[in-house]
Amino acid sequence: MAWILLIIAGLTEIVWAIGLKEAHGFTELVPSIVTIIFLIVSFFLFAKAMKTIPIGTAYAIFTGIGAAGTAIVGIIWFGEEVSAGKLLFLFVLLFGIIGLKLVDDEDEEEAI
């Protein structure tokens, strides 16, 4: 369950990161409210997940999902530049996130 909460927390981080852009320095009311709500939800879920997932793994995955997801949304939604290098490092980031999850699962199995 903690892993599901962590993934949802990372996905909600994408929403509030985009909300920051759309809020234009918190001068736009609706995007500002959405941003604040998703910030609270994101950190609440992140904190819940850290009850059982090691902090280093949880934080890396949380920020990794947010960073990669926000970059992908920036490319798709905001028409940000796409380059081979950007795509390569997004894949490296995503593989790192998956790797952390797999290594953490191995550590849990060894502890049993």
PDB file of N, CA and C in Angstrom:
ATOM      1  N   MET A   1       0.816  -1.201   0.000  1.00  0.00           N
ATOM      2  CA  MET A   1       0.000   0.000   0.000  1.00  0.00           C
ATOM      3  C   MET A   1       0.862   1.268   0.000  1.00  0.00           C
ATOM      4  N   ALA A   2       1.991   1.208   0.723  1.00  0.00           N
ATOM      5  CA  ALA A   2       2.865   2.383   0.794  1.00  0.00           C
ATOM      6  C   ALA A   2       3.396   2.765  -0.582  1.00  0.00           C
ATOM      7  N   TRP A   3       3.691   1.753  -1.408  1.00  0.00           N
ATOM      8  CA  TRP A   3       4.208   2.036  -2.747  1.00  0.00           C
ATOM      9  C   TRP A   3       3.149   2.710  -3.604  1.00  0.00           C
ATOM     10  N   ILE A   4       1.919   2.307  -3.460  1.00  0.00           N
ATOM     11  CA  ILE A   4       0.830   2.950  -4.208  1.00  0.00           C
ATOM     12  C   ILE A   4       0.692   4.404  -3.770  1.00  0.00           C
ATOM     13  N   LEU A   5       0.746   4.646  -2.452  1.00  0.00           N
ATOM     14  CA  LEU A   5       0.673   6.024  -1.944  1.00  0.00           C
ATOM     15  C   LEU A   5       1.827   6.856  -2.475  1.00  0.00           C
ATOM     16  N   LEU A   6       3.014   6.252  -2.533  1.00  0.00           N
ATOM     17  CA  LEU A   6       4.184   6.987  -3.021  1.00  0.00           C
ATOM     18  C   LEU A   6       4.051   7.339  -4.502  1.00  0.00           C
ATOM     19  N   ILE A   7       3.554   6.417  -5.286  1.00  0.00           N
ATOM     20  CA  ILE A   7       3.351   6.687  -6.714  1.00  0.00           C
ATOM     21  C   ILE A   7       2.309   7.786  -6.908  1.00  0.00           C
ATOM     22  N   ILE A   8       1.213   7.707  -6.162  1.00  0.00           N
ATOM     23  CA  ILE A   8       0.180   8.751  -6.258  1.00  0.00           C
ATOM     24  C   ILE A   8       0.746  10.092  -5.804  1.00  0.00           C
ATOM     25  N   ALA A   9       1.562  10.076  -4.752  1.00  0.00           N
ATOM     26  CA  ALA A   9       2.197  11.311  -4.279  1.00  0.00           C
ATOM     27  C   ALA A   9       3.069  11.917  -5.380  1.00  0.00           C
ATOM     28  N   GLY A  10       3.835  11.078  -6.075  1.00  0.00           N
ATOM     29  CA  GLY A  10       4.668  11.565  -7.174  1.00  0.00           C
ATOM     30  C   GLY A  10       3.839  12.139  -8.312  1.00  0.00           C
ATOM     31  N   LEU A  11       2.722  11.485  -8.602  1.00  0.00           N
ATOM     32  CA  LEU A  11       1.843  11.979  -9.667  1.00  0.00           C
ATOM     33  C   LEU A  11       1.192  13.304  -9.278  1.00  0.00           C
ATOM     34  N   THR A  12       0.825  13.435  -8.005  1.00  0.00           N
ATOM     35  CA  THR A  12       0.231  14.710  -7.568  1.00  0.00           C
ATOM     36  C   THR A  12       1.286  15.817  -7.548  1.00  0.00           C
ATOM     37  N   GLU A  13       2.562  15.431  -7.395  1.00  0.00           N
ATOM     38  CA  GLU A  13       3.629  16.431  -7.487  1.00  0.00           C
ATOM     39  C   GLU A  13       3.674  17.041  -8.888  1.00  0.00           C
ATOM     40  N   ILE A  14       3.419  16.231  -9.890  1.00  0.00           N
ATOM     41  CA  ILE A  14       3.372  16.738 -11.264  1.00  0.00           C
ATOM     42  C   ILE A  14       2.290  17.805 -11.385  1.00  0.00           C
ATOM     43  N   VAL A  15       1.133  17.536 -10.803  1.00  0.00           N
ATOM     44  CA  VAL A  15       0.014  18.481 -10.884  1.00  0.00           C
ATOM     45  C   VAL A  15       0.382  19.804 -10.231  1.00  0.00           C
ATOM     46  N   TRP A  16       0.955  19.746  -9.009  1.00  0.00           N
ATOM     47  CA  TRP A  16       1.242  21.026  -8.362  1.00  0.00           C
ATOM     48  C   TRP A  16       2.412  21.754  -9.013  1.00  0.00           C
ATOM     49  N   ALA A  17       3.339  21.026  -9.607  1.00  0.00           N
ATOM     50  CA  ALA A  17       4.434  21.694 -10.315  1.00  0.00           C
ATOM     51  C   ALA A  17       3.900  22.459 -11.530  1.00  0.00           C
ATOM     52  N   ILE A  18       2.988  21.833 -12.253  1.00  0.00           N
ATOM     53  CA  ILE A  18       2.366  22.507 -13.396  1.00  0.00           C
ATOM     54  C   ILE A  18       1.497  23.663 -12.901  1.00  0.00           C
ATOM     55  N   GLY A  19       0.833  23.429 -11.781  1.00  0.00           N
ATOM     56  CA  GLY A  19       0.020  24.493 -11.180  1.00  0.00           C
ATOM     57  C   GLY A  19       0.838  25.722 -10.849  1.00  0.00           C
ATOM     58  N   LEU A  20       2.079  25.518 -10.399  1.00  0.00           N
ATOM     59  CA  LEU A  20       2.937  26.673 -10.113  1.00  0.00           C
ATOM     60  C   LEU A  20       3.145  27.525 -11.361  1.00  0.00           C
ATOM     61  N   LYS A  21       3.332  26.860 -12.498  1.00  0.00           N
ATOM     62  CA  LYS A  21       3.515  27.596 -13.756  1.00  0.00           C
ATOM     63  C   LYS A  21       2.230  28.333 -14.133  1.00  0.00           C
ATOM     64  N   GLU A  22       1.115  27.630 -14.016  1.00  0.00           N
ATOM     65  CA  GLU A  22      -0.172  28.204 -14.406  1.00  0.00           C
ATOM     66  C   GLU A  22      -0.654  29.287 -13.447  1.00  0.00           C
ATOM     67  N   ALA A  23      -0.196  29.253 -12.202  1.00  0.00           N
ATOM     68  CA  ALA A  23      -0.617  30.245 -11.207  1.00  0.00           C
ATOM     69  C   ALA A  23       0.087  31.587 -11.397  1.00  0.00           C
ATOM     70  N   HIS A  24       1.131  31.609 -12.217  1.00  0.00           N
ATOM     71  CA  HIS A  24       1.868  32.850 -12.510  1.00  0.00           C
ATOM     72  C   HIS A  24       2.219  33.613 -11.232  1.00  0.00           C
ATOM     73  N   GLY A  25       2.989  32.917 -10.370  1.00  0.00           N
ATOM     74  CA  GLY A  25       3.406  33.570  -9.126  1.00  0.00           C
ATOM     75  C   GLY A  25       2.261  33.766  -8.153  1.00  0.00           C
ATOM     76  N   PHE A  26       1.304  32.874  -8.186  1.00  0.00           N
ATOM     77  CA  PHE A  26       0.102  32.921  -7.337  1.00  0.00           C
ATOM     78  C   PHE A  26      -0.732  34.181  -7.567  1.00  0.00           C
ATOM     79  N   THR A  27      -0.749  34.644  -8.819  1.00  0.00           N
ATOM     80  CA  THR A  27      -1.597  35.784  -9.167  1.00  0.00           C
ATOM     81  C   THR A  27      -2.910  35.349  -9.814  1.00  0.00           C
ATOM     82  N   GLU A  28      -3.003  34.070 -10.196  1.00  0.00           N
ATOM     83  CA  GLU A  28      -4.226  33.512 -10.777  1.00  0.00           C
ATOM     84  C   GLU A  28      -4.894  32.650  -9.707  1.00  0.00           C
ATOM     85  N   LEU A  29      -6.137  32.978  -9.353  1.00  0.00           N
ATOM     86  CA  LEU A  29      -6.795  32.365  -8.204  1.00  0.00           C
ATOM     87  C   LEU A  29      -6.985  30.849  -8.329  1.00  0.00           C
ATOM     88  N   VAL A  30      -7.656  30.396  -9.380  1.00  0.00           N
ATOM     89  CA  VAL A  30      -7.980  28.970  -9.499  1.00  0.00           C
ATOM     90  C   VAL A  30      -6.723  28.105  -9.580  1.00  0.00           C
ATOM     91  N   PRO A  31      -5.767  28.411 -10.449  1.00  0.00           N
ATOM     92  CA  PRO A  31      -4.547  27.592 -10.468  1.00  0.00           C
ATOM     93  C   PRO A  31      -3.789  27.633  -9.129  1.00  0.00           C
ATOM     94  N   SER A  32      -3.851  28.748  -8.436  1.00  0.00           N
ATOM     95  CA  SER A  32      -3.190  28.857  -7.135  1.00  0.00           C
ATOM     96  C   SER A  32      -3.837  27.925  -6.120  1.00  0.00           C
ATOM     97  N   ILE A  33      -5.155  27.890  -6.099  1.00  0.00           N
ATOM     98  CA  ILE A  33      -5.879  27.010  -5.170  1.00  0.00           C
ATOM     99  C   ILE A  33      -5.604  25.547  -5.500  1.00  0.00           C
ATOM    100  N   VAL A  34      -5.662  25.215  -6.782  1.00  0.00           N
ATOM    101  CA  VAL A  34      -5.375  23.832  -7.209  1.00  0.00           C
ATOM    102  C   VAL A  34      -3.951  23.442  -6.800  1.00  0.00           C
ATOM    103  N   THR A  35      -3.008  24.333  -7.000  1.00  0.00           N
ATOM    104  CA  THR A  35      -1.617  24.073  -6.640  1.00  0.00           C
ATOM    105  C   THR A  35      -1.480  23.795  -5.149  1.00  0.00           C
ATOM    106  N   ILE A  36      -2.071  24.616  -4.328  1.00  0.00           N
ATOM    107  CA  ILE A  36      -1.974  24.452  -2.871  1.00  0.00           C
ATOM    108  C   ILE A  36      -2.629  23.147  -2.425  1.00  0.00           C
ATOM    109  N   ILE A  37      -3.778  22.838  -2.984  1.00  0.00           N
ATOM    110  CA  ILE A  37      -4.463  21.585  -2.624  1.00  0.00           C
ATOM    111  C   ILE A  37      -3.594  20.385  -2.984  1.00  0.00           C
ATOM    112  N   PHE A  38      -3.057  20.382  -4.201  1.00  0.00           N
ATOM    113  CA  PHE A  38      -2.242  19.243  -4.623  1.00  0.00           C
ATOM    114  C   PHE A  38      -0.904  19.178  -3.881  1.00  0.00           C
ATOM    115  N   LEU A  39      -0.377  20.320  -3.477  1.00  0.00           N
ATOM    116  CA  LEU A  39       0.831  20.332  -2.646  1.00  0.00           C
ATOM    117  C   LEU A  39       0.560  19.619  -1.321  1.00  0.00           C
ATOM    118  N   ILE A  40      -0.543  19.948  -0.698  1.00  0.00           N
ATOM    119  CA  ILE A  40      -0.903  19.338   0.585  1.00  0.00           C
ATOM    120  C   ILE A  40      -1.132  17.836   0.418  1.00  0.00           C
ATOM    121  N   VAL A  41      -1.903  17.462  -0.594  1.00  0.00           N
ATOM    122  CA  VAL A  41      -2.190  16.042  -0.836  1.00  0.00           C
ATOM    123  C   VAL A  41      -0.887  15.286  -1.121  1.00  0.00           C
ATOM    124  N   SER A  42      -0.052  15.858  -1.959  1.00  0.00           N
ATOM    125  CA  SER A  42       1.201  15.223  -2.342  1.00  0.00           C
ATOM    126  C   SER A  42       2.080  14.937  -1.123  1.00  0.00           C
ATOM    127  N   PHE A  43       2.286  15.936  -0.286  1.00  0.00           N
ATOM    128  CA  PHE A  43       3.147  15.747   0.873  1.00  0.00           C
ATOM    129  C   PHE A  43       2.500  14.861   1.934  1.00  0.00           C
ATOM    130  N   PHE A  44       1.192  14.901   2.061  1.00  0.00           N
ATOM    131  CA  PHE A  44       0.494  14.002   2.981  1.00  0.00           C
ATOM    132  C   PHE A  44       0.721  12.545   2.571  1.00  0.00           C
ATOM    133  N   LEU A  45       0.520  12.244   1.284  1.00  0.00           N
ATOM    134  CA  LEU A  45       0.716  10.877   0.794  1.00  0.00           C
ATOM    135  C   LEU A  45       2.178  10.452   0.899  1.00  0.00           C
ATOM    136  N   PHE A  46       3.084  11.373   0.604  1.00  0.00           N
ATOM    137  CA  PHE A  46       4.514  11.108   0.726  1.00  0.00           C
ATOM    138  C   PHE A  46       4.873  10.757   2.169  1.00  0.00           C
ATOM    139  N   ALA A  47       4.357  11.517   3.111  1.00  0.00           N
ATOM    140  CA  ALA A  47       4.626  11.260   4.529  1.00  0.00           C
ATOM    141  C   ALA A  47       4.072   9.905   4.965  1.00  0.00           C
ATOM    142  N   LYS A  48       2.881   9.563   4.496  1.00  0.00           N
ATOM    143  CA  LYS A  48       2.295   8.258   4.818  1.00  0.00           C
ATOM    144  C   LYS A  48       3.154   7.128   4.264  1.00  0.00           C
ATOM    145  N   ALA A  49       3.635   7.283   3.045  1.00  0.00           N
ATOM    146  CA  ALA A  49       4.452   6.241   2.415  1.00  0.00           C
ATOM    147  C   ALA A  49       5.761   6.033   3.168  1.00  0.00           C
ATOM    148  N   MET A  50       6.310   7.121   3.717  1.00  0.00           N
ATOM    149  CA  MET A  50       7.592   7.016   4.411  1.00  0.00           C
ATOM    150  C   MET A  50       7.492   6.292   5.750  1.00  0.00           C
ATOM    151  N   LYS A  51       6.308   5.943   6.172  1.00  0.00           N
ATOM    152  CA  LYS A  51       6.183   5.152   7.400  1.00  0.00           C
ATOM    153  C   LYS A  51       6.809   3.780   7.228  1.00  0.00           C
ATOM    154  N   THR A  52       6.789   3.251   5.991  1.00  0.00           N
ATOM    155  CA  THR A  52       7.338   1.911   5.765  1.00  0.00           C
ATOM    156  C   THR A  52       8.437   1.859   4.711  1.00  0.00           C
ATOM    157  N   ILE A  53       8.533   2.860   3.878  1.00  0.00           N
ATOM    158  CA  ILE A  53       9.573   2.879   2.838  1.00  0.00           C
ATOM    159  C   ILE A  53      10.732   3.735   3.358  1.00  0.00           C
ATOM    160  N   PRO A  54      11.964   3.261   3.221  1.00  0.00           N
ATOM    161  CA  PRO A  54      13.117   4.051   3.683  1.00  0.00           C
ATOM    162  C   PRO A  54      13.113   5.449   3.057  1.00  0.00           C
ATOM    163  N   ILE A  55      13.495   6.446   3.836  1.00  0.00           N
ATOM    164  CA  ILE A  55      13.406   7.844   3.407  1.00  0.00           C
ATOM    165  C   ILE A  55      14.195   8.121   2.127  1.00  0.00           C
ATOM    166  N   GLY A  56      15.401   7.570   2.005  1.00  0.00           N
ATOM    167  CA  GLY A  56      16.210   7.815   0.802  1.00  0.00           C
ATOM    168  C   GLY A  56      15.542   7.289  -0.447  1.00  0.00           C
ATOM    169  N   THR A  57      15.016   6.089  -0.360  1.00  0.00           N
ATOM    170  CA  THR A  57      14.316   5.482  -1.496  1.00  0.00           C
ATOM    171  C   THR A  57      13.035   6.252  -1.794  1.00  0.00           C
ATOM    172  N   ALA A  58      12.263   6.542  -0.744  1.00  0.00           N
ATOM    173  CA  ALA A  58      10.984   7.233  -0.931  1.00  0.00           C
ATOM    174  C   ALA A  58      11.183   8.608  -1.564  1.00  0.00           C
ATOM    175  N   TYR A  59      12.160   9.362  -1.052  1.00  0.00           N
ATOM    176  CA  TYR A  59      12.365  10.710  -1.571  1.00  0.00           C
ATOM    177  C   TYR A  59      12.860  10.686  -3.009  1.00  0.00           C
ATOM    178  N   ALA A  60      13.776   9.778  -3.313  1.00  0.00           N
ATOM    179  CA  ALA A  60      14.283   9.678  -4.686  1.00  0.00           C
ATOM    180  C   ALA A  60      13.162   9.322  -5.659  1.00  0.00           C
ATOM    181  N   ILE A  61      12.317   8.405  -5.270  1.00  0.00           N
ATOM    182  CA  ILE A  61      11.215   7.995  -6.152  1.00  0.00           C
ATOM    183  C   ILE A  61      10.176   9.110  -6.267  1.00  0.00           C
ATOM    184  N   PHE A  62       9.838   9.724  -5.154  1.00  0.00           N
ATOM    185  CA  PHE A  62       8.864  10.832  -5.139  1.00  0.00           C
ATOM    186  C   PHE A  62       9.310  11.960  -6.061  1.00  0.00           C
ATOM    187  N   THR A  63      10.534  12.418  -5.873  1.00  0.00           N
ATOM    188  CA  THR A  63      11.019  13.529  -6.703  1.00  0.00           C
ATOM    189  C   THR A  63      11.286  13.090  -8.138  1.00  0.00           C
ATOM    190  N   GLY A  64      11.699  11.829  -8.309  1.00  0.00           N
ATOM    191  CA  GLY A  64      11.947  11.323  -9.659  1.00  0.00           C
ATOM    192  C   GLY A  64      10.684  11.271 -10.492  1.00  0.00           C
ATOM    193  N   ILE A  65       9.611  10.754  -9.890  1.00  0.00           N
ATOM    194  CA  ILE A  65       8.321  10.725 -10.603  1.00  0.00           C
ATOM    195  C   ILE A  65       7.890  12.145 -10.941  1.00  0.00           C
ATOM    196  N   GLY A  66       8.024  13.035  -9.964  1.00  0.00           N
ATOM    197  CA  GLY A  66       7.630  14.427 -10.198  1.00  0.00           C
ATOM    198  C   GLY A  66       8.457  15.101 -11.275  1.00  0.00           C
ATOM    199  N   ALA A  67       9.772  14.903 -11.216  1.00  0.00           N
ATOM    200  CA  ALA A  67      10.658  15.544 -12.193  1.00  0.00           C
ATOM    201  C   ALA A  67      10.445  14.994 -13.594  1.00  0.00           C
ATOM    202  N   ALA A  68      10.435  13.670 -13.712  1.00  0.00           N
ATOM    203  CA  ALA A  68      10.250  13.063 -15.032  1.00  0.00           C
ATOM    204  C   ALA A  68       8.865  13.378 -15.582  1.00  0.00           C
ATOM    205  N   GLY A  69       7.860  13.245 -14.748  1.00  0.00           N
ATOM    206  CA  GLY A  69       6.493  13.523 -15.196  1.00  0.00           C
ATOM    207  C   GLY A  69       6.301  14.964 -15.615  1.00  0.00           C
ATOM    208  N   THR A  70       6.868  15.880 -14.843  1.00  0.00           N
ATOM    209  CA  THR A  70       6.744  17.299 -15.182  1.00  0.00           C
ATOM    210  C   THR A  70       7.478  17.606 -16.480  1.00  0.00           C
ATOM    211  N   ALA A  71       8.630  17.005 -16.679  1.00  0.00           N
ATOM    212  CA  ALA A  71       9.371  17.209 -17.935  1.00  0.00           C
ATOM    213  C   ALA A  71       8.576  16.670 -19.121  1.00  0.00           C
ATOM    214  N   ILE A  72       7.971  15.504 -18.948  1.00  0.00           N
ATOM    215  CA  ILE A  72       7.176  14.913 -20.035  1.00  0.00           C
ATOM    216  C   ILE A  72       5.952  15.771 -20.336  1.00  0.00           C
ATOM    217  N   VAL A  73       5.268  16.238 -19.295  1.00  0.00           N
ATOM    218  CA  VAL A  73       4.111  17.118 -19.501  1.00  0.00           C
ATOM    219  C   VAL A  73       4.551  18.424 -20.160  1.00  0.00           C
ATOM    220  N   GLY A  74       5.714  18.934 -19.758  1.00  0.00           N
ATOM    221  CA  GLY A  74       6.231  20.158 -20.381  1.00  0.00           C
ATOM    222  C   GLY A  74       6.446  19.987 -21.874  1.00  0.00           C
ATOM    223  N   ILE A  75       6.941  18.830 -22.256  1.00  0.00           N
ATOM    224  CA  ILE A  75       7.157  18.540 -23.679  1.00  0.00           C
ATOM    225  C   ILE A  75       5.830  18.428 -24.413  1.00  0.00           C
ATOM    226  N   ILE A  76       4.901  17.665 -23.841  1.00  0.00           N
ATOM    227  CA  ILE A  76       3.621  17.393 -24.516  1.00  0.00           C
ATOM    228  C   ILE A  76       2.686  18.593 -24.467  1.00  0.00           C
ATOM    229  N   TRP A  77       2.511  19.177 -23.288  1.00  0.00           N
ATOM    230  CA  TRP A  77       1.491  20.209 -23.088  1.00  0.00           C
ATOM    231  C   TRP A  77       1.995  21.611 -23.438  1.00  0.00           C
ATOM    232  N   PHE A  78       3.228  21.919 -23.033  1.00  0.00           N
ATOM    233  CA  PHE A  78       3.738  23.274 -23.215  1.00  0.00           C
ATOM    234  C   PHE A  78       4.662  23.414 -24.414  1.00  0.00           C
ATOM    235  N   GLY A  79       4.840  22.327 -25.159  1.00  0.00           N
ATOM    236  CA  GLY A  79       5.660  22.385 -26.364  1.00  0.00           C
ATOM    237  C   GLY A  79       7.123  22.680 -26.093  1.00  0.00           C
ATOM    238  N   GLU A  80       7.625  22.240 -24.931  1.00  0.00           N
ATOM    239  CA  GLU A  80       9.030  22.461 -24.623  1.00  0.00           C
ATOM    240  C   GLU A  80       9.906  21.630 -25.555  1.00  0.00           C
ATOM    241  N   GLU A  81      11.118  22.080 -25.702  1.00  0.00           N
ATOM    242  CA  GLU A  81      12.055  21.456 -26.638  1.00  0.00           C
ATOM    243  C   GLU A  81      12.329  19.997 -26.278  1.00  0.00           C
ATOM    244  N   VAL A  82      12.389  19.169 -27.319  1.00  0.00           N
ATOM    245  CA  VAL A  82      12.735  17.761 -27.159  1.00  0.00           C
ATOM    246  C   VAL A  82      14.063  17.533 -27.864  1.00  0.00           C
ATOM    247  N   SER A  83      14.960  16.861 -27.162  1.00  0.00           N
ATOM    248  CA  SER A  83      16.234  16.510 -27.780  1.00  0.00           C
ATOM    249  C   SER A  83      16.558  15.078 -27.402  1.00  0.00           C
ATOM    250  N   ALA A  84      17.482  14.504 -28.142  1.00  0.00           N
ATOM    251  CA  ALA A  84      17.898  13.134 -27.841  1.00  0.00           C
ATOM    252  C   ALA A  84      18.475  13.060 -26.431  1.00  0.00           C
ATOM    253  N   GLY A  85      19.238  14.056 -26.048  1.00  0.00           N
ATOM    254  CA  GLY A  85      19.833  14.082 -24.716  1.00  0.00           C
ATOM    255  C   GLY A  85      18.782  14.147 -23.621  1.00  0.00           C
ATOM    256  N   LYS A  86      17.773  14.985 -23.822  1.00  0.00           N
ATOM    257  CA  LYS A  86      16.702  15.109 -22.832  1.00  0.00           C
ATOM    258  C   LYS A  86      15.965  13.784 -22.681  1.00  0.00           C
ATOM    259  N   LEU A  87      15.650  13.150 -23.787  1.00  0.00           N
ATOM    260  CA  LEU A  87      14.951  11.857 -23.735  1.00  0.00           C
ATOM    261  C   LEU A  87      15.824  10.786 -23.088  1.00  0.00           C
ATOM    262  N   LEU A  88      17.106  10.778 -23.426  1.00  0.00           N
ATOM    263  CA  LEU A  88      18.030   9.805 -22.839  1.00  0.00           C
ATOM    264  C   LEU A  88      18.045   9.920 -21.318  1.00  0.00           C
ATOM    265  N   PHE A  89      18.187  11.140 -20.821  1.00  0.00           N
ATOM    266  CA  PHE A  89      18.283  11.307 -19.377  1.00  0.00           C
ATOM    267  C   PHE A  89      16.939  11.111 -18.667  1.00  0.00           C
ATOM    268  N   LEU A  90      15.837  11.342 -19.351  1.00  0.00           N
ATOM    269  CA  LEU A  90      14.534  10.989 -18.773  1.00  0.00           C
ATOM    270  C   LEU A  90      14.433   9.471 -18.610  1.00  0.00           C
ATOM    271  N   PHE A  91      14.892   8.726 -19.615  1.00  0.00           N
ATOM    272  CA  PHE A  91      14.904   7.264 -19.506  1.00  0.00           C
ATOM    273  C   PHE A  91      15.829   6.803 -18.381  1.00  0.00           C
ATOM    274  N   VAL A  92      16.993   7.434 -18.262  1.00  0.00           N
ATOM    275  CA  VAL A  92      17.918   7.084 -17.175  1.00  0.00           C
ATOM    276  C   VAL A  92      17.249   7.328 -15.824  1.00  0.00           C
ATOM    277  N   LEU A  93      16.564   8.457 -15.691  1.00  0.00           N
ATOM    278  CA  LEU A  93      15.857   8.782 -14.454  1.00  0.00           C
ATOM    279  C   LEU A  93      14.778   7.746 -14.154  1.00  0.00           C
ATOM    280  N   LEU A  94      13.987   7.410 -15.155  1.00  0.00           N
ATOM    281  CA  LEU A  94      12.925   6.425 -14.961  1.00  0.00           C
ATOM    282  C   LEU A  94      13.487   5.046 -14.613  1.00  0.00           C
ATOM    283  N   PHE A  95      14.562   4.640 -15.283  1.00  0.00           N
ATOM    284  CA  PHE A  95      15.186   3.356 -14.944  1.00  0.00           C
ATOM    285  C   PHE A  95      15.759   3.386 -13.530  1.00  0.00           C
ATOM    286  N   GLY A  96      16.273   4.531 -13.105  1.00  0.00           N
ATOM    287  CA  GLY A  96      16.765   4.676 -11.738  1.00  0.00           C
ATOM    288  C   GLY A  96      15.658   4.509 -10.715  1.00  0.00           C
ATOM    289  N   ILE A  97      14.500   5.086 -11.014  1.00  0.00           N
ATOM    290  CA  ILE A  97      13.345   4.957 -10.121  1.00  0.00           C
ATOM    291  C   ILE A  97      12.931   3.492 -10.013  1.00  0.00           C
ATOM    292  N   ILE A  98      12.839   2.832 -11.155  1.00  0.00           N
ATOM    293  CA  ILE A  98      12.462   1.409 -11.165  1.00  0.00           C
ATOM    294  C   ILE A  98      13.519   0.586 -10.424  1.00  0.00           C
ATOM    295  N   GLY A  99      14.781   0.907 -10.642  1.00  0.00           N
ATOM    296  CA  GLY A  99      15.862   0.202  -9.964  1.00  0.00           C
ATOM    297  C   GLY A  99      15.793   0.343  -8.454  1.00  0.00           C
ATOM    298  N   LEU A 100      15.504   1.545  -7.965  1.00  0.00           N
ATOM    299  CA  LEU A 100      15.371   1.745  -6.527  1.00  0.00           C
ATOM    300  C   LEU A 100      14.245   0.896  -5.948  1.00  0.00           C
ATOM    301  N   LYS A 101      13.149   0.826  -6.667  1.00  0.00           N
ATOM    302  CA  LYS A 101      12.017   0.002  -6.212  1.00  0.00           C
ATOM    303  C   LYS A 101      12.427  -1.461  -6.148  1.00  0.00           C
ATOM    304  N   LEU A 102      13.101  -1.944  -7.182  1.00  0.00           N
ATOM    305  CA  LEU A 102      13.513  -3.347  -7.216  1.00  0.00           C
ATOM    306  C   LEU A 102      14.522  -3.667  -6.114  1.00  0.00           C
ATOM    307  N   VAL A 103      15.478  -2.781  -5.897  1.00  0.00           N
ATOM    308  CA  VAL A 103      16.478  -3.003  -4.855  1.00  0.00           C
ATOM    309  C   VAL A 103      15.821  -2.979  -3.483  1.00  0.00           C
ATOM    310  N   ASP A 104      14.885  -2.082  -3.277  1.00  0.00           N
ATOM    311  CA  ASP A 104      14.199  -2.010  -1.991  1.00  0.00           C
ATOM    312  C   ASP A 104      13.395  -3.282  -1.743  1.00  0.00           C
ATOM    313  N   ASP A 105      12.763  -3.824  -2.793  1.00  0.00           N
ATOM    314  CA  ASP A 105      12.032  -5.087  -2.661  1.00  0.00           C
ATOM    315  C   ASP A 105      12.977  -6.221  -2.281  1.00  0.00           C
ATOM    316  N   GLU A 106      14.185  -6.246  -2.880  1.00  0.00           N
ATOM    317  CA  GLU A 106      15.169  -7.272  -2.543  1.00  0.00           C
ATOM    318  C   GLU A 106      15.589  -7.163  -1.082  1.00  0.00           C
ATOM    319  N   ASP A 107      15.784  -5.928  -0.595  1.00  0.00           N
ATOM    320  CA  ASP A 107      16.170  -5.717   0.802  1.00  0.00           C
ATOM    321  C   ASP A 107      15.079  -6.213   1.746  1.00  0.00           C
ATOM    322  N   GLU A 108      13.814  -5.983   1.374  1.00  0.00           N
ATOM    323  CA  GLU A 108      12.700  -6.442   2.204  1.00  0.00           C
ATOM    324  C   GLU A 108      12.646  -7.974   2.247  1.00  0.00           C
ATOM    325  N   GLU A 109      12.894  -8.620   1.095  1.00  0.00           N
ATOM    326  CA  GLU A 109      12.876 -10.079   1.040  1.00  0.00           C
ATOM    327  C   GLU A 109      14.005 -10.673   1.876  1.00  0.00           C
ATOM    328  N   GLU A 110      15.190 -10.054   1.851  1.00  0.00           N
ATOM    329  CA  GLU A 110      16.322 -10.545   2.627  1.00  0.00           C
ATOM    330  C   GLU A 110      16.061 -10.408   4.116  1.00  0.00           C
ATOM    331  N   ALA A 111      15.291  -9.391   4.507  1.00  0.00           N
ATOM    332  CA  ALA A 111      15.019  -9.156   5.924  1.00  0.00           C
ATOM    333  C   ALA A 111      14.029 -10.187   6.484  1.00  0.00           C
ATOM    334  N   ILE A 112      13.284 -10.841   5.608  1.00  0.00           N
ATOM    335  CA  ILE A 112      12.260 -11.806   6.062  1.00  0.00           C
ATOM    336  C   ILE A 112      12.859 -13.097   6.466  1.00  0.00           C
TER     337      ILE A 112
END
